[in-house]
Protein backbone atom coordinates (compact mmCIF):
# COMPACT_ATOMS: atom_id res chain seq x y z
CA UNK A 1 69.59 97.46 94.79
CA UNK A 2 67.15 100.32 93.84
CA UNK A 3 69.60 102.01 91.57
CA UNK A 4 70.60 99.05 89.43
CA UNK A 5 74.24 99.87 89.92
CA UNK A 6 76.72 96.97 90.21
CA UNK A 7 80.00 97.27 92.08
CA UNK A 8 82.58 94.59 91.39
CA UNK A 9 85.23 94.09 94.07
CA UNK A 10 88.01 91.76 93.14
CA UNK A 11 89.69 90.35 89.95
CA UNK A 12 87.61 89.59 86.99
CA UNK A 13 90.03 87.04 85.20
CA UNK A 14 92.57 84.51 86.18
CA UNK A 15 95.38 86.86 85.15
CA UNK A 16 93.96 89.64 87.43
CA UNK A 17 93.65 87.15 90.22
CA UNK A 18 97.49 86.45 90.01
CA UNK A 19 98.24 90.07 89.82
CA UNK A 20 95.88 90.82 92.84
CA UNK A 21 97.65 87.96 94.83
CA UNK A 22 101.05 89.47 94.00
CA UNK A 23 99.87 92.84 95.14
CA UNK A 24 98.42 91.34 98.43
CA UNK A 25 101.79 89.75 99.02
CA UNK A 26 103.66 92.96 98.27
CA UNK A 27 101.38 94.85 100.71
CA UNK A 28 102.14 92.22 103.43
CA UNK A 29 105.85 92.57 102.69
CA UNK A 30 105.56 96.33 103.07
CA UNK A 31 103.82 95.90 106.47
CA UNK A 32 106.53 93.53 107.62
CA UNK A 33 109.39 95.73 106.41
CA UNK A 34 107.90 98.93 108.06
CA UNK A 35 107.51 97.08 111.37
CA UNK A 36 110.98 95.63 111.23
CA UNK A 37 112.55 98.94 110.37
CA UNK A 38 110.61 100.82 113.05
CA UNK A 39 111.61 98.17 115.69
CA UNK A 40 115.27 98.61 114.58
CA UNK A 41 115.04 102.30 115.33
CA UNK A 42 113.33 101.71 118.62
CA UNK A 43 116.04 99.21 119.64
CA UNK A 44 118.91 101.42 118.28
CA UNK A 45 117.84 105.04 118.41
CA UNK A 46 121.37 106.14 117.46
CA UNK A 47 121.66 103.69 114.53
CA UNK A 48 124.31 104.85 112.08
CA UNK A 49 122.12 104.64 109.00
CA UNK A 50 118.98 105.96 110.63
CA UNK A 51 118.33 108.25 107.61
CA UNK A 52 118.24 105.29 105.23
CA UNK A 53 115.89 103.24 107.40
CA UNK A 54 113.61 106.24 107.67
CA UNK A 55 113.64 106.52 103.83
CA UNK A 56 112.78 102.78 103.64
CA UNK A 57 109.88 103.25 106.08
CA UNK A 58 108.53 106.15 104.01
CA UNK A 59 108.94 104.13 100.75
CA UNK A 60 107.09 101.19 102.28
CA UNK A 61 104.31 103.52 103.21
CA UNK A 62 104.10 105.02 99.69
CA UNK A 63 103.98 101.50 98.02
CA UNK A 64 101.42 100.29 100.48
CA UNK A 65 99.20 103.34 99.80
CA UNK A 66 99.35 102.79 96.06
CA UNK A 67 98.43 99.20 96.43
CA UNK A 68 95.56 100.07 98.81
CA UNK A 69 94.05 102.20 96.11
CA UNK A 70 93.48 98.98 94.05
CA UNK A 71 93.16 96.59 96.83
CA UNK A 72 91.67 98.18 99.94
CA UNK A 73 92.44 96.80 103.42
């Protein structure tokens, strides 16, 4: 209050609101995918395509991190 600075958190237009909602949905999708893939590897430690699943988990984390820069948790 003393500095006169204003911080906006959230979309400023209807179009931005739609984009933010899509990003929130994508972030939730990343969370679900990471959890499912991690569970798959816990249930099947010798899974034939383990390397692909690990890549998917890493990719999910990268996407989530990028989205979190715009829309923090």
